[in-house]
Amino acid sequence: MAKFNEKTTFAEVLEAPEGTEVARKHLGDLLDRPSVGMMKDKPLGELRNMIPLPPIKKKFSAMIDELCELE
């Protein structure tokens, strides 16, 4: 069973070392921005749909896809 799913909050991802590693891989320095910090209580599925800018949305989608594949 996958460790993360679309109902997992971004905060739960960042609390797990492997989640932080995947987030940092896809988001890089974006992870340190206050605007991203404000998203911590959002489920991953909601994050996938709320990012308006295509380049950033693509990064979040790739991160979420990889997180949902982790065992």
C-alpha atoms as a PDB file:
ATOM      1  CA  MET A   1       0.000   0.000   0.000  1.00  0.00           C
ATOM      2  CA  ALA A   2       1.274   3.463  -0.864  1.00  0.00           C
ATOM      3  CA  LYS A   3       2.596   5.570   1.990  1.00  0.00           C
ATOM      4  CA  PHE A   4       0.911   8.721   0.658  1.00  0.00           C
ATOM      5  CA  ASN A   5      -2.308   9.333  -1.268  1.00  0.00           C
ATOM      6  CA  GLU A   6      -4.298  12.312  -2.519  1.00  0.00           C
ATOM      7  CA  LYS A   7      -5.932  12.709   0.918  1.00  0.00           C
ATOM      8  CA  THR A   8      -2.559  13.058   2.663  1.00  0.00           C
ATOM      9  CA  THR A   9      -1.866  16.631   3.727  1.00  0.00           C
ATOM     10  CA  PHE A  10       1.240  18.409   2.530  1.00  0.00           C
ATOM     11  CA  ALA A  11       2.269  18.759   6.202  1.00  0.00           C
ATOM     12  CA  GLU A  12       2.187  14.955   6.604  1.00  0.00           C
ATOM     13  CA  VAL A  13       4.407  14.644   3.539  1.00  0.00           C
ATOM     14  CA  LEU A  14       6.912  17.125   4.951  1.00  0.00           C
ATOM     15  CA  GLU A  15       6.976  15.351   8.327  1.00  0.00           C
ATOM     16  CA  ALA A  16       8.293  12.169   6.687  1.00  0.00           C
ATOM     17  CA  PRO A  17      11.941  12.162   5.551  1.00  0.00           C
ATOM     18  CA  GLU A  18      11.110  10.418   2.273  1.00  0.00           C
ATOM     19  CA  GLY A  19       8.261  12.874   1.654  1.00  0.00           C
ATOM     20  CA  THR A  20      10.531  15.858   2.210  1.00  0.00           C
ATOM     21  CA  GLU A  21      13.111  14.329  -0.118  1.00  0.00           C
ATOM     22  CA  VAL A  22      10.574  13.922  -2.946  1.00  0.00           C
ATOM     23  CA  ALA A  23       9.142  17.411  -2.336  1.00  0.00           C
ATOM     24  CA  ARG A  24      12.611  18.978  -2.413  1.00  0.00           C
ATOM     25  CA  LYS A  25      13.466  17.017  -5.589  1.00  0.00           C
ATOM     26  CA  HIS A  26      10.475  18.419  -7.470  1.00  0.00           C
ATOM     27  CA  LEU A  27       9.993  21.835  -5.860  1.00  0.00           C
ATOM     28  CA  GLY A  28      13.545  22.803  -4.942  1.00  0.00           C
ATOM     29  CA  ASP A  29      13.720  26.291  -3.436  1.00  0.00           C
ATOM     30  CA  LEU A  30       9.958  26.751  -3.890  1.00  0.00           C
ATOM     31  CA  LEU A  31       9.593  24.604  -0.786  1.00  0.00           C
ATOM     32  CA  ASP A  32      11.105  27.433   1.291  1.00  0.00           C
ATOM     33  CA  ARG A  33       8.627  30.105   0.146  1.00  0.00           C
ATOM     34  CA  PRO A  34       5.984  31.291   2.615  1.00  0.00           C
ATOM     35  CA  SER A  35       3.238  30.771   0.026  1.00  0.00           C
ATOM     36  CA  VAL A  36       4.071  27.059  -0.134  1.00  0.00           C
ATOM     37  CA  GLY A  37       4.137  26.922   3.653  1.00  0.00           C
ATOM     38  CA  MET A  38       0.557  28.178   3.714  1.00  0.00           C
ATOM     39  CA  MET A  39      -0.474  25.091   1.736  1.00  0.00           C
ATOM     40  CA  LYS A  40       0.591  22.620   4.419  1.00  0.00           C
ATOM     41  CA  ASP A  41      -2.922  21.870   5.653  1.00  0.00           C
ATOM     42  CA  LYS A  42      -4.181  21.079   2.149  1.00  0.00           C
ATOM     43  CA  PRO A  43      -4.545  17.497   0.903  1.00  0.00           C
ATOM     44  CA  LEU A  44      -2.361  16.568  -2.054  1.00  0.00           C
ATOM     45  CA  GLY A  45      -5.390  16.109  -4.322  1.00  0.00           C
ATOM     46  CA  GLU A  46      -6.514  19.655  -3.588  1.00  0.00           C
ATOM     47  CA  LEU A  47      -3.006  21.007  -4.205  1.00  0.00           C
ATOM     48  CA  ARG A  48      -2.971  19.368  -7.619  1.00  0.00           C
ATOM     49  CA  ASN A  49      -6.027  21.404  -8.603  1.00  0.00           C
ATOM     50  CA  MET A  50      -5.307  24.729  -6.908  1.00  0.00           C
ATOM     51  CA  ILE A  51      -1.958  25.690  -8.493  1.00  0.00           C
ATOM     52  CA  PRO A  52      -2.768  28.102 -11.359  1.00  0.00           C
ATOM     53  CA  LEU A  53       0.649  28.562 -13.013  1.00  0.00           C
ATOM     54  CA  PRO A  54       1.362  25.726 -15.495  1.00  0.00           C
ATOM     55  CA  PRO A  55       5.120  25.348 -14.771  1.00  0.00           C
ATOM     56  CA  ILE A  56       4.560  25.164 -11.012  1.00  0.00           C
ATOM     57  CA  LYS A  57       1.449  23.011 -11.411  1.00  0.00           C
ATOM     58  CA  LYS A  58       3.554  20.556 -13.437  1.00  0.00           C
ATOM     59  CA  LYS A  59       6.121  20.355 -10.606  1.00  0.00           C
ATOM     60  CA  PHE A  60       3.426  19.760  -7.979  1.00  0.00           C
ATOM     61  CA  SER A  61       1.732  17.109 -10.132  1.00  0.00           C
ATOM     62  CA  ALA A  62       5.018  15.256 -10.674  1.00  0.00           C
ATOM     63  CA  MET A  63       5.720  15.406  -6.916  1.00  0.00           C
ATOM     64  CA  ILE A  64       2.244  14.102  -6.045  1.00  0.00           C
ATOM     65  CA  ASP A  65       2.495  11.288  -8.593  1.00  0.00           C
ATOM     66  CA  GLU A  66       5.832  10.158  -7.172  1.00  0.00           C
ATOM     67  CA  LEU A  67       4.608  10.422  -3.562  1.00  0.00           C
ATOM     68  CA  CYS A  68       1.566   8.285  -4.333  1.00  0.00           C
ATOM     69  CA  GLU A  69       3.823   5.571  -5.766  1.00  0.00           C
ATOM     70  CA  LEU A  70       6.030   5.282  -2.655  1.00  0.00           C
ATOM     71  CA  GLU A  71       5.577   2.080  -0.656  1.00  0.00           C
END
